Protein backbone atom coordinates (compact mmCIF):
# COMPACT_ATOMS: atom_id res chain seq x y z
CA MET A 1 7.13 -16.19 40.58
CA THR A 2 5.94 -13.88 43.31
CA HIS A 3 2.90 -11.67 43.02
CA SER A 4 5.03 -8.50 42.77
CA ASN A 5 7.13 -10.01 39.94
CA ALA A 6 3.98 -10.95 38.03
CA THR A 7 2.55 -7.46 38.56
CA ARG A 8 5.83 -5.87 37.48
CA ARG A 9 6.01 -8.09 34.35
CA SER A 10 2.39 -7.27 33.45
CA ALA A 11 3.02 -3.55 33.91
CA LEU A 12 6.14 -3.75 31.71
CA PHE A 13 4.17 -5.58 29.00
CA TRP A 14 1.46 -2.90 28.86
CA LEU A 15 4.00 -0.09 29.07
CA GLY A 16 5.85 -1.62 26.09
CA ALA A 17 2.62 -2.01 24.12
CA ALA A 18 1.65 1.61 24.77
CA ALA A 19 5.14 2.83 23.88
CA SER A 20 5.06 1.03 20.53
CA VAL A 21 2.23 3.19 19.18
CA PRO A 22 4.26 6.45 18.98
CA VAL A 23 7.29 4.52 17.72
CA LEU A 24 5.25 2.99 14.88
CA ALA A 25 3.79 6.39 14.05
CA ALA A 26 7.23 8.03 14.07
CA CYS A 27 8.47 5.39 11.63
CA GLY A 28 5.68 6.28 9.22
CA VAL A 29 3.44 3.33 10.11
CA ASP A 30 -0.17 3.87 11.06
CA PRO A 31 -0.53 1.70 14.23
CA ALA A 32 -4.15 0.82 13.39
CA ALA A 33 -3.19 -0.30 9.88
CA ALA A 34 -0.27 -2.32 11.25
CA GLN A 35 -2.78 -4.52 13.09
CA GLN A 36 -5.27 -4.77 10.18
CA SER A 37 -6.05 -8.22 8.83
CA PHE A 38 -6.59 -8.98 5.15
CA ARG A 39 -8.56 -11.59 3.22
CA VAL A 40 -5.41 -12.86 1.44
CA THR A 41 -2.54 -13.77 3.75
CA ARG A 42 0.75 -15.51 3.07
CA THR A 43 3.93 -16.11 5.00
CA ASP A 44 6.95 -13.98 4.20
CA ALA A 45 8.53 -17.00 2.46
CA GLN A 46 5.43 -17.46 0.31
CA TRP A 47 5.44 -13.77 -0.70
CA ARG A 48 9.14 -13.98 -1.62
CA GLU A 49 8.49 -17.10 -3.72
CA ARG A 50 5.51 -15.55 -5.50
CA LEU A 51 7.00 -12.11 -6.27
CA THR A 52 10.14 -10.82 -7.99
CA ALA A 53 12.64 -9.02 -5.77
CA MET A 54 11.35 -5.58 -6.82
CA GLN A 55 7.70 -6.60 -6.52
CA TYR A 56 8.44 -7.85 -3.00
CA ARG A 57 10.23 -4.61 -2.04
CA VAL A 58 7.30 -2.49 -3.24
CA LEU A 59 4.32 -4.63 -2.22
CA ARG A 60 5.62 -5.99 1.09
CA GLN A 61 8.25 -3.44 2.22
CA GLU A 62 6.63 -0.23 0.90
CA ALA A 63 9.48 0.70 -1.46
CA THR A 64 8.97 2.90 -4.52
CA GLU A 65 10.08 2.03 -8.04
CA ARG A 66 12.05 4.56 -10.09
CA PRO A 67 9.83 6.97 -12.05
CA TYR A 68 9.35 6.14 -15.74
CA SER A 69 10.64 2.58 -15.16
CA SER A 70 7.29 0.81 -15.60
CA PRO A 71 5.95 -0.08 -19.05
CA LEU A 72 2.46 0.37 -17.55
CA ASN A 73 3.08 4.10 -17.40
CA ASN A 74 2.63 4.11 -21.20
CA GLU A 75 -0.12 1.46 -21.36
CA HIS A 76 -3.08 2.89 -23.30
CA ARG A 77 -5.18 -0.17 -24.12
CA ARG A 78 -8.58 -0.77 -22.50
CA GLY A 79 -8.48 -3.15 -19.57
CA THR A 80 -8.09 -3.52 -15.84
CA TYR A 81 -5.17 -3.26 -13.47
CA HIS A 82 -4.93 -5.95 -10.79
CA CYS A 83 -2.81 -6.36 -7.67
CA ARG A 84 0.38 -8.23 -8.57
CA GLY A 85 0.30 -9.91 -5.15
CA CYS A 86 -3.20 -11.36 -5.10
CA GLY A 87 -5.05 -10.52 -8.34
CA ASN A 88 -7.58 -8.11 -6.78
CA ARG A 89 -9.11 -5.75 -9.38
CA LEU A 90 -7.86 -2.27 -8.49
CA PHE A 91 -8.12 0.22 -11.36
CA SER A 92 -9.76 0.58 -14.77
CA SER A 93 -8.07 2.00 -17.87
CA ALA A 94 -11.12 4.31 -18.10
CA HIS A 95 -9.80 6.13 -15.00
CA LYS A 96 -6.14 6.31 -16.04
CA PHE A 97 -4.49 9.60 -17.03
CA ASP A 98 -0.99 10.89 -17.78
CA SER A 99 0.07 12.76 -14.66
CA GLY A 100 3.58 13.48 -15.94
CA THR A 101 5.03 12.04 -12.73
CA GLY A 102 6.49 8.83 -14.18
CA TRP A 103 4.10 6.42 -12.46
CA PRO A 104 0.77 5.02 -13.67
CA SER A 105 -1.90 7.38 -12.34
CA PHE A 106 -5.64 7.04 -11.92
CA TRP A 107 -8.30 9.48 -10.77
CA GLN A 108 -10.23 6.76 -8.89
CA PRO A 109 -10.06 3.04 -8.03
CA ILE A 110 -12.28 0.57 -9.88
CA ASP A 111 -14.60 0.58 -6.84
CA SER A 112 -14.56 2.07 -3.37
CA GLY A 113 -13.57 -1.19 -1.66
CA ALA A 114 -10.63 -2.10 -3.92
CA VAL A 115 -7.96 -0.13 -2.07
CA GLY A 116 -7.33 0.84 1.52
CA TYR A 117 -5.64 3.91 2.91
CA LYS A 118 -3.38 4.73 5.81
CA THR A 119 -1.34 7.72 6.88
CA ASP A 120 2.33 7.59 5.93
CA ARG A 121 4.72 9.98 7.75
CA LEU A 122 7.93 8.43 6.46
CA LEU A 123 9.10 11.68 4.80
CA GLY A 124 8.30 13.79 7.85
CA TYR A 125 4.83 14.88 6.73
CA ALA A 126 1.50 13.14 6.31
CA ARG A 127 0.75 11.42 2.99
CA THR A 128 -2.08 9.06 2.10
CA GLU A 129 -0.65 5.63 1.35
CA GLU A 130 -2.67 3.16 -0.70
CA HIS A 131 -2.68 -0.58 -0.29
CA CYS A 132 -4.59 -3.48 -1.81
CA ALA A 133 -7.70 -4.04 0.29
CA ASP A 134 -7.41 -7.83 -0.15
CA CYS A 135 -3.74 -8.53 0.66
CA GLY A 136 -2.41 -5.28 2.13
CA GLY A 137 0.23 -4.89 -0.59
CA HIS A 138 1.65 -1.37 -0.87
CA LEU A 139 0.54 0.27 -4.12
CA GLY A 140 1.59 3.91 -3.89
CA HIS A 141 0.07 7.16 -2.66
CA ARG A 142 -3.02 9.29 -3.26
CA PHE A 143 -2.66 13.02 -3.72
CA ASP A 144 -5.26 15.78 -4.02
CA ASP A 145 -3.94 17.27 -7.26
CA GLY A 146 -5.69 15.05 -9.81
CA PRO A 147 -8.25 15.78 -12.50
CA ARG A 148 -12.00 16.05 -12.19
CA PRO A 149 -14.32 14.60 -11.17
CA THR A 150 -12.49 13.40 -8.01
CA GLY A 151 -9.50 15.74 -7.82
CA HIS A 152 -7.41 12.73 -6.75
CA ARG A 153 -4.22 11.35 -8.26
CA HIS A 154 -3.63 7.73 -7.34
CA CYS A 155 0.10 7.51 -8.07
CA ILE A 156 0.77 3.76 -8.28
CA ASN A 157 3.94 1.70 -8.62
CA GLY A 158 3.62 -0.16 -11.91
CA VAL A 159 5.50 -3.14 -10.49
CA ALA A 160 2.62 -3.59 -8.01
CA LEU A 161 0.14 -3.97 -10.88
CA GLU A 162 -0.74 -6.54 -13.50
CA PHE A 163 -2.55 -5.21 -16.61
CA ARG A 164 -5.24 -7.41 -18.16
CA PRO A 165 -6.48 -6.19 -21.58
CA ALA A 166 -10.24 -6.04 -22.18
């Protein structure tokens, strides 16, 4: 390969890398979050083996379950809600409330490091997407219309959660 071919190939590589950032953002993916690494990692085949089809669609492909389809929406016992993908403790029943939206809702995570956030522009406007801080599994979205003391509504797909009674 000649020097000019190598230079041209290098320039094309960096041009492609730079061009991918706006493409990822336009598709609703935060480019920084797309490159984030997590404590729990599995291959796609391992995720598919571990999760049901719907759990996989929500946790790994950022789908949303139908409202009012999760039994956890009506769960009122004391306990904790864990990530269905990796078991990370995410939410406490002490922070759960009935938002009337059809999804389990919480006014705060169990602790500040349990969930991560990224900007989601999939619907054409910015929303705050939540994911498990340990495995990156998609949980749902956070909105600023929740109750005191935080004013947040963590609107979570029930299929992404596992409830463990106290």
